[in-house]
């Protein structure tokens, strides 16, 4: 399966390495090129510098062939925006968004977006 990950912090980089290790193809997006250093030399996925809710960036990441997307940046608003674009514009069924404010989880769930809290 092809997976798009937006955010290359601790969670995104770990997820990317795990998924490629399991044989999945991965494209990871981050606005800071230095974030990709977390992936290590052996990472064989695609690294894209850009804003994760930009349609062109998502297309470059292969969203049109993706089976899943994980929005795991350090901002709740960015993550929900990425998740909604993936779900509504590209009809990705498996979408998960990381949240820091657990009070928002209920809103995201109503939108059909699975959430993962940091606590």
PDB file of N, CA and C in Angstrom:
ATOM      1  N   UNK A   1       0.845  -1.171   0.000  1.00  0.00           N
ATOM      2  CA  UNK A   1       0.000   0.000   0.000  1.00  0.00           C
ATOM      3  C   UNK A   1       0.896   1.242   0.000  1.00  0.00           C
ATOM      4  N   UNK A   2       0.456   2.277  -0.679  1.00  0.00           N
ATOM      5  CA  UNK A   2       1.163   3.560  -0.657  1.00  0.00           C
ATOM      6  C   UNK A   2       0.540   4.417   0.442  1.00  0.00           C
ATOM      7  N   UNK A   3       1.399   4.983   1.289  1.00  0.00           N
ATOM      8  CA  UNK A   3       0.954   5.806   2.412  1.00  0.00           C
ATOM      9  C   UNK A   3       1.630   7.171   2.322  1.00  0.00           C
ATOM     10  N   UNK A   4       0.830   8.207   2.515  1.00  0.00           N
ATOM     11  CA  UNK A   4       1.351   9.567   2.577  1.00  0.00           C
ATOM     12  C   UNK A   4       1.347   9.986   4.044  1.00  0.00           C
ATOM     13  N   UNK A   5       2.491  10.474   4.502  1.00  0.00           N
ATOM     14  CA  UNK A   5       2.629  10.961   5.871  1.00  0.00           C
ATOM     15  C   UNK A   5       2.981  12.442   5.793  1.00  0.00           C
ATOM     16  N   UNK A   6       2.235  13.256   6.526  1.00  0.00           N
ATOM     17  CA  UNK A   6       2.518  14.685   6.573  1.00  0.00           C
ATOM     18  C   UNK A   6       3.026  15.007   7.971  1.00  0.00           C
ATOM     19  N   UNK A   7       4.295  15.402   8.027  1.00  0.00           N
ATOM     20  CA  UNK A   7       4.953  15.692   9.285  1.00  0.00           C
ATOM     21  C   UNK A   7       6.067  14.689   9.529  1.00  0.00           C
ATOM     22  N   UNK A   8       7.297  15.173   9.601  1.00  0.00           N
ATOM     23  CA  UNK A   8       8.450  14.295   9.780  1.00  0.00           C
ATOM     24  C   UNK A   8       9.129  14.553  11.118  1.00  0.00           C
ATOM     25  N   UNK A   9       8.312  14.629  12.162  1.00  0.00           N
ATOM     26  CA  UNK A   9       8.850  14.713  13.518  1.00  0.00           C
ATOM     27  C   UNK A   9       9.109  13.308  14.025  1.00  0.00           C
ATOM     28  N   UNK A  10       9.076  13.137  15.334  1.00  0.00           N
ATOM     29  CA  UNK A  10       9.319  11.802  15.908  1.00  0.00           C
ATOM     30  C   UNK A  10       8.276  10.793  15.443  1.00  0.00           C
ATOM     31  N   UNK A  11       7.005  11.167  15.491  1.00  0.00           N
ATOM     32  CA  UNK A  11       5.944  10.238  15.120  1.00  0.00           C
ATOM     33  C   UNK A  11       5.984   9.933  13.624  1.00  0.00           C
ATOM     34  N   UNK A  12       6.054  10.965  12.800  1.00  0.00           N
ATOM     35  CA  UNK A  12       6.047  10.765  11.355  1.00  0.00           C
ATOM     36  C   UNK A  12       7.237   9.975  10.855  1.00  0.00           C
ATOM     37  N   UNK A  13       8.430  10.289  11.367  1.00  0.00           N
ATOM     38  CA  UNK A  13       9.618   9.571  10.909  1.00  0.00           C
ATOM     39  C   UNK A  13       9.597   8.111  11.367  1.00  0.00           C
ATOM     40  N   UNK A  14       9.148   7.862  12.589  1.00  0.00           N
ATOM     41  CA  UNK A  14       9.050   6.477  13.070  1.00  0.00           C
ATOM     42  C   UNK A  14       8.037   5.701  12.248  1.00  0.00           C
ATOM     43  N   UNK A  15       6.896   6.310  12.005  1.00  0.00           N
ATOM     44  CA  UNK A  15       5.860   5.657  11.204  1.00  0.00           C
ATOM     45  C   UNK A  15       6.371   5.360   9.793  1.00  0.00           C
ATOM     46  N   UNK A  16       7.070   6.307   9.201  1.00  0.00           N
ATOM     47  CA  UNK A  16       7.605   6.121   7.847  1.00  0.00           C
ATOM     48  C   UNK A  16       8.591   4.960   7.797  1.00  0.00           C
ATOM     49  N   UNK A  17       9.492   4.888   8.758  1.00  0.00           N
ATOM     50  CA  UNK A  17      10.474   3.792   8.788  1.00  0.00           C
ATOM     51  C   UNK A  17       9.792   2.446   9.005  1.00  0.00           C
ATOM     52  N   UNK A  18       8.812   2.412   9.903  1.00  0.00           N
ATOM     53  CA  UNK A  18       8.084   1.163  10.172  1.00  0.00           C
ATOM     54  C   UNK A  18       7.343   0.670   8.927  1.00  0.00           C
ATOM     55  N   UNK A  19       6.661   1.585   8.264  1.00  0.00           N
ATOM     56  CA  UNK A  19       5.872   1.195   7.093  1.00  0.00           C
ATOM     57  C   UNK A  19       6.753   0.726   5.937  1.00  0.00           C
ATOM     58  N   UNK A  20       7.860   1.417   5.696  1.00  0.00           N
ATOM     59  CA  UNK A  20       8.748   0.964   4.618  1.00  0.00           C
ATOM     60  C   UNK A  20       9.371  -0.376   4.988  1.00  0.00           C
ATOM     61  N   UNK A  21       9.650  -0.569   6.263  1.00  0.00           N
ATOM     62  CA  UNK A  21      10.182  -1.852   6.733  1.00  0.00           C
ATOM     63  C   UNK A  21       9.215  -3.000   6.531  1.00  0.00           C
ATOM     64  N   UNK A  22       7.930  -2.682   6.501  1.00  0.00           N
ATOM     65  CA  UNK A  22       6.900  -3.699   6.278  1.00  0.00           C
ATOM     66  C   UNK A  22       6.577  -3.877   4.795  1.00  0.00           C
ATOM     67  N   UNK A  23       7.288  -3.147   3.942  1.00  0.00           N
ATOM     68  CA  UNK A  23       7.107  -3.317   2.512  1.00  0.00           C
ATOM     69  C   UNK A  23       6.162  -2.336   1.841  1.00  0.00           C
ATOM     70  N   UNK A  24       5.674  -1.369   2.571  1.00  0.00           N
ATOM     71  CA  UNK A  24       4.803  -0.353   1.990  1.00  0.00           C
ATOM     72  C   UNK A  24       5.647   0.732   1.324  1.00  0.00           C
ATOM     73  N   UNK A  25       5.055   1.426   0.368  1.00  0.00           N
ATOM     74  CA  UNK A  25       5.719   2.606  -0.174  1.00  0.00           C
ATOM     75  C   UNK A  25       5.230   3.812   0.616  1.00  0.00           C
ATOM     76  N   UNK A  26       6.139   4.751   0.849  1.00  0.00           N
ATOM     77  CA  UNK A  26       5.827   5.903   1.694  1.00  0.00           C
ATOM     78  C   UNK A  26       6.348   7.174   1.050  1.00  0.00           C
ATOM     79  N   UNK A  27       5.519   8.205   1.095  1.00  0.00           N
ATOM     80  CA  UNK A  27       5.955   9.557   0.762  1.00  0.00           C
ATOM     81  C   UNK A  27       5.721  10.387   2.012  1.00  0.00           C
ATOM     82  N   UNK A  28       6.749  11.094   2.447  1.00  0.00           N
ATOM     83  CA  UNK A  28       6.633  11.907   3.657  1.00  0.00           C
ATOM     84  C   UNK A  28       6.863  13.372   3.304  1.00  0.00           C
ATOM     85  N   UNK A  29       5.993  14.218   3.826  1.00  0.00           N
ATOM     86  CA  UNK A  29       5.995  15.648   3.515  1.00  0.00           C
ATOM     87  C   UNK A  29       6.316  16.434   4.785  1.00  0.00           C
ATOM     88  N   UNK A  30       7.200  17.408   4.657  1.00  0.00           N
ATOM     89  CA  UNK A  30       7.462  18.318   5.765  1.00  0.00           C
ATOM     90  C   UNK A  30       7.891  19.648   5.172  1.00  0.00           C
ATOM     91  N   UNK A  31       7.592  20.720   5.867  1.00  0.00           N
ATOM     92  CA  UNK A  31       7.957  22.038   5.347  1.00  0.00           C
ATOM     93  C   UNK A  31       9.416  22.373   5.615  1.00  0.00           C
ATOM     94  N   UNK A  32      10.073  21.610   6.498  1.00  0.00           N
ATOM     95  CA  UNK A  32      11.471  21.852   6.834  1.00  0.00           C
ATOM     96  C   UNK A  32      12.338  20.712   6.294  1.00  0.00           C
ATOM     97  N   UNK A  33      13.212  20.987   5.338  1.00  0.00           N
ATOM     98  CA  UNK A  33      14.050  19.929   4.769  1.00  0.00           C
ATOM     99  C   UNK A  33      14.920  19.213   5.805  1.00  0.00           C
ATOM    100  N   UNK A  34      15.347  19.929   6.842  1.00  0.00           N
ATOM    101  CA  UNK A  34      16.198  19.308   7.855  1.00  0.00           C
ATOM    102  C   UNK A  34      15.467  18.239   8.670  1.00  0.00           C
ATOM    103  N   UNK A  35      14.146  18.258   8.656  1.00  0.00           N
ATOM    104  CA  UNK A  35      13.369  17.254   9.392  1.00  0.00           C
ATOM    105  C   UNK A  35      13.618  15.845   8.858  1.00  0.00           C
ATOM    106  N   UNK A  36      13.953  15.732   7.583  1.00  0.00           N
ATOM    107  CA  UNK A  36      14.156  14.422   6.981  1.00  0.00           C
ATOM    108  C   UNK A  36      15.379  13.694   7.524  1.00  0.00           C
ATOM    109  N   UNK A  37      16.251  14.394   8.231  1.00  0.00           N
ATOM    110  CA  UNK A  37      17.422  13.735   8.819  1.00  0.00           C
ATOM    111  C   UNK A  37      17.006  12.667   9.832  1.00  0.00           C
ATOM    112  N   UNK A  38      15.800  12.788  10.379  1.00  0.00           N
ATOM    113  CA  UNK A  38      15.291  11.795  11.332  1.00  0.00           C
ATOM    114  C   UNK A  38      15.055  10.433  10.681  1.00  0.00           C
ATOM    115  N   UNK A  39      14.927  10.416   9.371  1.00  0.00           N
ATOM    116  CA  UNK A  39      14.610   9.174   8.671  1.00  0.00           C
ATOM    117  C   UNK A  39      15.804   8.234   8.549  1.00  0.00           C
ATOM    118  N   UNK A  40      17.007   8.768   8.617  1.00  0.00           N
ATOM    119  CA  UNK A  40      18.198   7.946   8.480  1.00  0.00           C
ATOM    120  C   UNK A  40      18.564   7.720   7.025  1.00  0.00           C
ATOM    121  N   UNK A  41      19.770   7.235   6.832  1.00  0.00           N
ATOM    122  CA  UNK A  41      20.318   7.025   5.491  1.00  0.00           C
ATOM    123  C   UNK A  41      19.604   5.914   4.726  1.00  0.00           C
ATOM    124  N   UNK A  42      19.081   4.933   5.434  1.00  0.00           N
ATOM    125  CA  UNK A  42      18.501   3.763   4.759  1.00  0.00           C
ATOM    126  C   UNK A  42      17.051   3.966   4.303  1.00  0.00           C
ATOM    127  N   UNK A  43      16.435   5.097   4.636  1.00  0.00           N
ATOM    128  CA  UNK A  43      15.044   5.326   4.227  1.00  0.00           C
ATOM    129  C   UNK A  43      14.953   5.388   2.709  1.00  0.00           C
ATOM    130  N   UNK A  44      14.071   4.558   2.140  1.00  0.00           N
ATOM    131  CA  UNK A  44      13.965   4.514   0.676  1.00  0.00           C
ATOM    132  C   UNK A  44      12.641   5.048   0.152  1.00  0.00           C
ATOM    133  N   UNK A  45      11.929   5.807   0.986  1.00  0.00           N
ATOM    134  CA  UNK A  45      10.699   6.430   0.533  1.00  0.00           C
ATOM    135  C   UNK A  45      10.973   7.772  -0.127  1.00  0.00           C
ATOM    136  N   UNK A  46       9.909   8.474  -0.436  1.00  0.00           N
ATOM    137  CA  UNK A  46       9.996   9.778  -1.088  1.00  0.00           C
ATOM    138  C   UNK A  46       9.884  10.876  -0.039  1.00  0.00           C
ATOM    139  N   UNK A  47      10.767  11.867  -0.130  1.00  0.00           N
ATOM    140  CA  UNK A  47      10.759  13.019   0.780  1.00  0.00           C
ATOM    141  C   UNK A  47      10.355  14.246  -0.022  1.00  0.00           C
ATOM    142  N   UNK A  48       9.359  14.956   0.471  1.00  0.00           N
ATOM    143  CA  UNK A  48       8.863  16.131  -0.246  1.00  0.00           C
ATOM    144  C   UNK A  48       8.818  17.317   0.701  1.00  0.00           C
ATOM    145  N   UNK A  49       9.472  18.394   0.298  1.00  0.00           N
ATOM    146  CA  UNK A  49       9.433  19.631   1.082  1.00  0.00           C
ATOM    147  C   UNK A  49       8.222  20.419   0.612  1.00  0.00           C
ATOM    148  N   UNK A  50       7.339  20.745   1.555  1.00  0.00           N
ATOM    149  CA  UNK A  50       6.159  21.518   1.203  1.00  0.00           C
ATOM    150  C   UNK A  50       5.145  21.535   2.324  1.00  0.00           C
ATOM    151  N   UNK A  51       4.048  22.193   2.060  1.00  0.00           N
ATOM    152  CA  UNK A  51       2.942  22.308   3.006  1.00  0.00           C
ATOM    153  C   UNK A  51       1.973  21.173   2.727  1.00  0.00           C
ATOM    154  N   UNK A  52       1.664  20.410   3.748  1.00  0.00           N
ATOM    155  CA  UNK A  52       0.892  19.181   3.582  1.00  0.00           C
ATOM    156  C   UNK A  52      -0.545  19.316   3.136  1.00  0.00           C
ATOM    157  N   UNK A  53      -1.129  20.498   3.233  1.00  0.00           N
ATOM    158  CA  UNK A  53      -2.504  20.639   2.752  1.00  0.00           C
ATOM    159  C   UNK A  53      -2.561  21.267   1.366  1.00  0.00           C
ATOM    160  N   UNK A  54      -1.412  21.483   0.751  1.00  0.00           N
ATOM    161  CA  UNK A  54      -1.343  21.986  -0.621  1.00  0.00           C
ATOM    162  C   UNK A  54      -1.638  20.826  -1.588  1.00  0.00           C
ATOM    163  N   UNK A  55      -2.651  20.981  -2.407  1.00  0.00           N
ATOM    164  CA  UNK A  55      -3.055  19.913  -3.332  1.00  0.00           C
ATOM    165  C   UNK A  55      -1.900  19.450  -4.215  1.00  0.00           C
ATOM    166  N   UNK A  56      -1.108  20.386  -4.730  1.00  0.00           N
ATOM    167  CA  UNK A  56       0.006  20.021  -5.611  1.00  0.00           C
ATOM    168  C   UNK A  56       1.059  19.202  -4.866  1.00  0.00           C
ATOM    169  N   UNK A  57       1.304  19.551  -3.626  1.00  0.00           N
ATOM    170  CA  UNK A  57       2.262  18.799  -2.814  1.00  0.00           C
ATOM    171  C   UNK A  57       1.731  17.383  -2.578  1.00  0.00           C
ATOM    172  N   UNK A  58       0.454  17.272  -2.254  1.00  0.00           N
ATOM    173  CA  UNK A  58      -0.132  15.946  -2.040  1.00  0.00           C
ATOM    174  C   UNK A  58      -0.114  15.106  -3.314  1.00  0.00           C
ATOM    175  N   UNK A  59      -0.352  15.735  -4.440  1.00  0.00           N
ATOM    176  CA  UNK A  59      -0.289  15.010  -5.715  1.00  0.00           C
ATOM    177  C   UNK A  59       1.137  14.544  -5.970  1.00  0.00           C
ATOM    178  N   UNK A  60       2.111  15.400  -5.698  1.00  0.00           N
ATOM    179  CA  UNK A  60       3.517  15.003  -5.845  1.00  0.00           C
ATOM    180  C   UNK A  60       3.849  13.821  -4.934  1.00  0.00           C
ATOM    181  N   UNK A  61       3.206  13.768  -3.773  1.00  0.00           N
ATOM    182  CA  UNK A  61       3.422  12.679  -2.820  1.00  0.00           C
ATOM    183  C   UNK A  61       2.696  11.401  -3.220  1.00  0.00           C
ATOM    184  N   UNK A  62       1.904  11.454  -4.264  1.00  0.00           N
ATOM    185  CA  UNK A  62       1.205  10.262  -4.729  1.00  0.00           C
ATOM    186  C   UNK A  62      -0.123  10.000  -4.054  1.00  0.00           C
ATOM    187  N   UNK A  63      -0.767  11.059  -3.585  1.00  0.00           N
ATOM    188  CA  UNK A  63      -2.046  10.903  -2.889  1.00  0.00           C
ATOM    189  C   UNK A  63      -3.095  10.190  -3.737  1.00  0.00           C
ATOM    190  N   UNK A  64      -3.001  10.344  -5.049  1.00  0.00           N
ATOM    191  CA  UNK A  64      -4.012   9.750  -5.929  1.00  0.00           C
ATOM    192  C   UNK A  64      -3.927   8.228  -5.962  1.00  0.00           C
ATOM    193  N   UNK A  65      -2.802   7.667  -5.564  1.00  0.00           N
ATOM    194  CA  UNK A  65      -2.677   6.204  -5.508  1.00  0.00           C
ATOM    195  C   UNK A  65      -2.559   5.695  -4.072  1.00  0.00           C
ATOM    196  N   UNK A  66      -2.702   6.603  -3.094  1.00  0.00           N
ATOM    197  CA  UNK A  66      -2.520   6.241  -1.689  1.00  0.00           C
ATOM    198  C   UNK A  66      -3.701   5.461  -1.140  1.00  0.00           C
ATOM    199  N   UNK A  67      -3.374   4.527  -0.267  1.00  0.00           N
ATOM    200  CA  UNK A  67      -4.405   3.793   0.455  1.00  0.00           C
ATOM    201  C   UNK A  67      -4.655   4.382   1.826  1.00  0.00           C
ATOM    202  N   UNK A  68      -3.739   5.258   2.286  1.00  0.00           N
ATOM    203  CA  UNK A  68      -3.883   5.849   3.610  1.00  0.00           C
ATOM    204  C   UNK A  68      -3.072   7.140   3.697  1.00  0.00           C
ATOM    205  N   UNK A  69      -3.465   7.989   4.647  1.00  0.00           N
ATOM    206  CA  UNK A  69      -2.739   9.219   4.940  1.00  0.00           C
ATOM    207  C   UNK A  69      -2.720   9.418   6.443  1.00  0.00           C
ATOM    208  N   UNK A  70      -1.562   9.824   6.961  1.00  0.00           N
ATOM    209  CA  UNK A  70      -1.428  10.179   8.371  1.00  0.00           C
ATOM    210  C   UNK A  70      -0.964  11.626   8.457  1.00  0.00           C
ATOM    211  N   UNK A  71      -1.741  12.454   9.143  1.00  0.00           N
ATOM    212  CA  UNK A  71      -1.392  13.860   9.365  1.00  0.00           C
ATOM    213  C   UNK A  71      -0.849  13.966  10.781  1.00  0.00           C
ATOM    214  N   UNK A  72       0.477  14.075  10.898  1.00  0.00           N
ATOM    215  CA  UNK A  72       1.113  14.035  12.211  1.00  0.00           C
ATOM    216  C   UNK A  72       2.080  15.202  12.417  1.00  0.00           C
ATOM    217  N   UNK A  73       1.663  16.394  11.993  1.00  0.00           N
ATOM    218  CA  UNK A  73       2.480  17.588  12.237  1.00  0.00           C
ATOM    219  C   UNK A  73       2.317  17.988  13.696  1.00  0.00           C
ATOM    220  N   UNK A  74       2.941  19.081  14.096  1.00  0.00           N
ATOM    221  CA  UNK A  74       2.817  19.524  15.483  1.00  0.00           C
ATOM    222  C   UNK A  74       1.671  20.516  15.683  1.00  0.00           C
ATOM    223  N   UNK A  75       0.748  20.607  14.715  1.00  0.00           N
ATOM    224  CA  UNK A  75      -0.374  21.531  14.845  1.00  0.00           C
ATOM    225  C   UNK A  75      -1.718  20.884  14.556  1.00  0.00           C
ATOM    226  N   UNK A  76      -2.628  20.995  15.502  1.00  0.00           N
ATOM    227  CA  UNK A  76      -3.962  20.415  15.325  1.00  0.00           C
ATOM    228  C   UNK A  76      -4.666  20.956  14.089  1.00  0.00           C
ATOM    229  N   UNK A  77      -4.607  22.267  13.885  1.00  0.00           N
ATOM    230  CA  UNK A  77      -5.313  22.857  12.751  1.00  0.00           C
ATOM    231  C   UNK A  77      -4.754  22.361  11.424  1.00  0.00           C
ATOM    232  N   UNK A  78      -3.444  22.284  11.322  1.00  0.00           N
ATOM    233  CA  UNK A  78      -2.826  21.761  10.098  1.00  0.00           C
ATOM    234  C   UNK A  78      -3.234  20.315   9.872  1.00  0.00           C
ATOM    235  N   UNK A  79      -3.215  19.522  10.933  1.00  0.00           N
ATOM    236  CA  UNK A  79      -3.545  18.104  10.786  1.00  0.00           C
ATOM    237  C   UNK A  79      -4.982  17.896  10.325  1.00  0.00           C
ATOM    238  N   UNK A  80      -5.914  18.649  10.879  1.00  0.00           N
ATOM    239  CA  UNK A  80      -7.304  18.470  10.461  1.00  0.00           C
ATOM    240  C   UNK A  80      -7.495  18.959   9.038  1.00  0.00           C
ATOM    241  N   UNK A  81      -6.804  20.025   8.668  1.00  0.00           N
ATOM    242  CA  UNK A  81      -6.915  20.515   7.297  1.00  0.00           C
ATOM    243  C   UNK A  81      -6.365  19.493   6.307  1.00  0.00           C
ATOM    244  N   UNK A  82      -5.204  18.930   6.601  1.00  0.00           N
ATOM    245  CA  UNK A  82      -4.625  17.884   5.745  1.00  0.00           C
ATOM    246  C   UNK A  82      -5.580  16.698   5.654  1.00  0.00           C
ATOM    247  N   UNK A  83      -6.101  16.275   6.790  1.00  0.00           N
ATOM    248  CA  UNK A  83      -7.004  15.122   6.820  1.00  0.00           C
ATOM    249  C   UNK A  83      -8.268  15.379   6.010  1.00  0.00           C
ATOM    250  N   UNK A  84      -8.826  16.548   6.134  1.00  0.00           N
ATOM    251  CA  UNK A  84     -10.047  16.864   5.382  1.00  0.00           C
ATOM    252  C   UNK A  84      -9.788  16.934   3.886  1.00  0.00           C
ATOM    253  N   UNK A  85      -8.661  17.516   3.486  1.00  0.00           N
ATOM    254  CA  UNK A  85      -8.320  17.569   2.062  1.00  0.00           C
ATOM    255  C   UNK A  85      -8.173  16.149   1.523  1.00  0.00           C
ATOM    256  N   UNK A  86      -7.476  15.298   2.266  1.00  0.00           N
ATOM    257  CA  UNK A  86      -7.288  13.907   1.824  1.00  0.00           C
ATOM    258  C   UNK A  86      -8.622  13.187   1.688  1.00  0.00           C
ATOM    259  N   UNK A  87      -9.496  13.374   2.653  1.00  0.00           N
ATOM    260  CA  UNK A  87     -10.784  12.682   2.656  1.00  0.00           C
ATOM    261  C   UNK A  87     -11.731  13.261   1.606  1.00  0.00           C
ATOM    262  N   UNK A  88     -11.864  14.586   1.577  1.00  0.00           N
ATOM    263  CA  UNK A  88     -12.879  15.219   0.740  1.00  0.00           C
ATOM    264  C   UNK A  88     -12.443  15.441  -0.704  1.00  0.00           C
ATOM    265  N   UNK A  89     -11.184  15.795  -0.914  1.00  0.00           N
ATOM    266  CA  UNK A  89     -10.718  16.087  -2.277  1.00  0.00           C
ATOM    267  C   UNK A  89     -10.214  14.847  -3.005  1.00  0.00           C
ATOM    268  N   UNK A  90      -9.625  13.910  -2.238  1.00  0.00           N
ATOM    269  CA  UNK A  90      -8.999  12.748  -2.869  1.00  0.00           C
ATOM    270  C   UNK A  90      -9.655  11.425  -2.490  1.00  0.00           C
ATOM    271  N   UNK A  91     -10.707  11.474  -1.676  1.00  0.00           N
ATOM    272  CA  UNK A  91     -11.493  10.300  -1.292  1.00  0.00           C
ATOM    273  C   UNK A  91     -10.643   9.198  -0.656  1.00  0.00           C
ATOM    274  N   UNK A  92      -9.666   9.589   0.165  1.00  0.00           N
ATOM    275  CA  UNK A  92      -8.855   8.609   0.887  1.00  0.00           C
ATOM    276  C   UNK A  92      -9.676   8.136   2.084  1.00  0.00           C
ATOM    277  N   UNK A  93      -9.891   6.834   2.177  1.00  0.00           N
ATOM    278  CA  UNK A  93     -10.726   6.309   3.259  1.00  0.00           C
ATOM    279  C   UNK A  93      -9.986   6.180   4.577  1.00  0.00           C
ATOM    280  N   UNK A  94      -8.742   5.754   4.535  1.00  0.00           N
ATOM    281  CA  UNK A  94      -7.963   5.549   5.755  1.00  0.00           C
ATOM    282  C   UNK A  94      -7.158   6.822   6.048  1.00  0.00           C
ATOM    283  N   UNK A  95      -7.726   7.658   6.904  1.00  0.00           N
ATOM    284  CA  UNK A  95      -7.096   8.928   7.261  1.00  0.00           C
ATOM    285  C   UNK A  95      -7.063   9.025   8.781  1.00  0.00           C
ATOM    286  N   UNK A  96      -5.902   9.395   9.303  1.00  0.00           N
ATOM    287  CA  UNK A  96      -5.780   9.599  10.744  1.00  0.00           C
ATOM    288  C   UNK A  96      -5.064  10.926  10.984  1.00  0.00           C
ATOM    289  N   UNK A  97      -5.522  11.642  12.019  1.00  0.00           N
ATOM    290  CA  UNK A  97      -4.934  12.936  12.364  1.00  0.00           C
ATOM    291  C   UNK A  97      -4.480  12.911  13.822  1.00  0.00           C
ATOM    292  N   UNK A  98      -3.279  13.366  14.040  1.00  0.00           N
ATOM    293  CA  UNK A  98      -2.757  13.496  15.402  1.00  0.00           C
ATOM    294  C   UNK A  98      -3.330  14.780  15.993  1.00  0.00           C
ATOM    295  N   UNK A  99      -3.756  14.707  17.277  1.00  0.00           N
ATOM    296  CA  UNK A  99      -4.264  15.906  17.941  1.00  0.00           C
ATOM    297  C   UNK A  99      -3.565  16.094  19.287  1.00  0.00           C
ATOM    298  N   UNK A 100      -3.429  17.327  19.667  1.00  0.00           N
ATOM    299  CA  UNK A 100      -2.868  17.671  20.968  1.00  0.00           C
ATOM    300  C   UNK A 100      -3.975  18.042  21.942  1.00  0.00           C
ATOM    301  N   UNK A 101      -5.067  18.592  21.447  1.00  0.00           N
ATOM    302  CA  UNK A 101      -6.187  19.010  22.293  1.00  0.00           C
ATOM    303  C   UNK A 101      -7.274  17.947  22.212  1.00  0.00           C
ATOM    304  N   UNK A 102      -7.392  17.096  23.239  1.00  0.00           N
ATOM    305  CA  UNK A 102      -8.357  15.994  23.177  1.00  0.00           C
ATOM    306  C   UNK A 102      -9.816  16.449  23.050  1.00  0.00           C
ATOM    307  N   UNK A 103     -10.092  17.707  23.389  1.00  0.00           N
ATOM    308  CA  UNK A 103     -11.454  18.219  23.247  1.00  0.00           C
ATOM    309  C   UNK A 103     -11.863  18.292  21.775  1.00  0.00           C
ATOM    310  N   UNK A 104     -10.895  18.391  20.899  1.00  0.00           N
ATOM    311  CA  UNK A 104     -11.186  18.463  19.460  1.00  0.00           C
ATOM    312  C   UNK A 104     -11.488  17.092  18.852  1.00  0.00           C
ATOM    313  N   UNK A 105     -11.115  16.040  19.540  1.00  0.00           N
ATOM    314  CA  UNK A 105     -11.291  14.684  18.998  1.00  0.00           C
ATOM    315  C   UNK A 105     -12.740  14.422  18.616  1.00  0.00           C
ATOM    316  N   UNK A 106     -13.657  14.881  19.429  1.00  0.00           N
ATOM    317  CA  UNK A 106     -15.080  14.667  19.166  1.00  0.00           C
ATOM    318  C   UNK A 106     -15.503  15.323  17.849  1.00  0.00           C
ATOM    319  N   UNK A 107     -15.002  16.505  17.597  1.00  0.00           N
ATOM    320  CA  UNK A 107     -15.327  17.214  16.347  1.00  0.00           C
ATOM    321  C   UNK A 107     -14.765  16.449  15.160  1.00  0.00           C
ATOM    322  N   UNK A 108     -13.517  15.998  15.278  1.00  0.00           N
ATOM    323  CA  UNK A 108     -12.881  15.258  14.191  1.00  0.00           C
ATOM    324  C   UNK A 108     -13.620  13.954  13.913  1.00  0.00           C
ATOM    325  N   UNK A 109     -14.036  13.285  14.981  1.00  0.00           N
ATOM    326  CA  UNK A 109     -14.756  12.021  14.816  1.00  0.00           C
ATOM    327  C   UNK A 109     -16.071  12.244  14.053  1.00  0.00           C
ATOM    328  N   UNK A 110     -16.754  13.357  14.326  1.00  0.00           N
ATOM    329  CA  UNK A 110     -17.981  13.666  13.593  1.00  0.00           C
ATOM    330  C   UNK A 110     -17.713  13.877  12.108  1.00  0.00           C
ATOM    331  N   UNK A 111     -16.511  14.318  11.788  1.00  0.00           N
ATOM    332  CA  UNK A 111     -16.115  14.507  10.386  1.00  0.00           C
ATOM    333  C   UNK A 111     -15.633  13.207   9.751  1.00  0.00           C
ATOM    334  N   UNK A 112     -15.603  12.133  10.548  1.00  0.00           N
ATOM    335  CA  UNK A 112     -15.150  10.850  10.029  1.00  0.00           C
ATOM    336  C   UNK A 112     -13.639  10.704   9.996  1.00  0.00           C
ATOM    337  N   UNK A 113     -12.936  11.522  10.786  1.00  0.00           N
ATOM    338  CA  UNK A 113     -11.482  11.480  10.831  1.00  0.00           C
ATOM    339  C   UNK A 113     -11.056  10.809  12.131  1.00  0.00           C
ATOM    340  N   UNK A 114     -10.357   9.689  12.026  1.00  0.00           N
ATOM    341  CA  UNK A 114      -9.826   9.025  13.222  1.00  0.00           C
ATOM    342  C   UNK A 114      -8.717   9.900  13.792  1.00  0.00           C
ATOM    343  N   UNK A 115      -8.607   9.900  15.121  1.00  0.00           N
ATOM    344  CA  UNK A 115      -7.595  10.729  15.758  1.00  0.00           C
ATOM    345  C   UNK A 115      -6.718   9.899  16.680  1.00  0.00           C
ATOM    346  N   UNK A 116      -5.512  10.406  16.882  1.00  0.00           N
ATOM    347  CA  UNK A 116      -4.580   9.825  17.839  1.00  0.00           C
ATOM    348  C   UNK A 116      -4.101  10.968  18.709  1.00  0.00           C
ATOM    349  N   UNK A 117      -4.302  10.852  20.018  1.00  0.00           N
ATOM    350  CA  UNK A 117      -3.875  11.896  20.945  1.00  0.00           C
ATOM    351  C   UNK A 117      -2.462  11.602  21.418  1.00  0.00           C
ATOM    352  N   UNK A 118      -1.756  12.631  21.816  1.00  0.00           N
ATOM    353  CA  UNK A 118      -0.370  12.474  22.235  1.00  0.00           C
ATOM    354  C   UNK A 118      -0.258  11.975  23.661  1.00  0.00           C
ATOM    355  N   UNK A 119      -1.314  12.030  24.430  1.00  0.00           N
ATOM    356  CA  UNK A 119      -1.251  11.575  25.821  1.00  0.00           C
ATOM    357  C   UNK A 119      -1.710  10.144  25.958  1.00  0.00           C
TER     358      UNK A 119
END
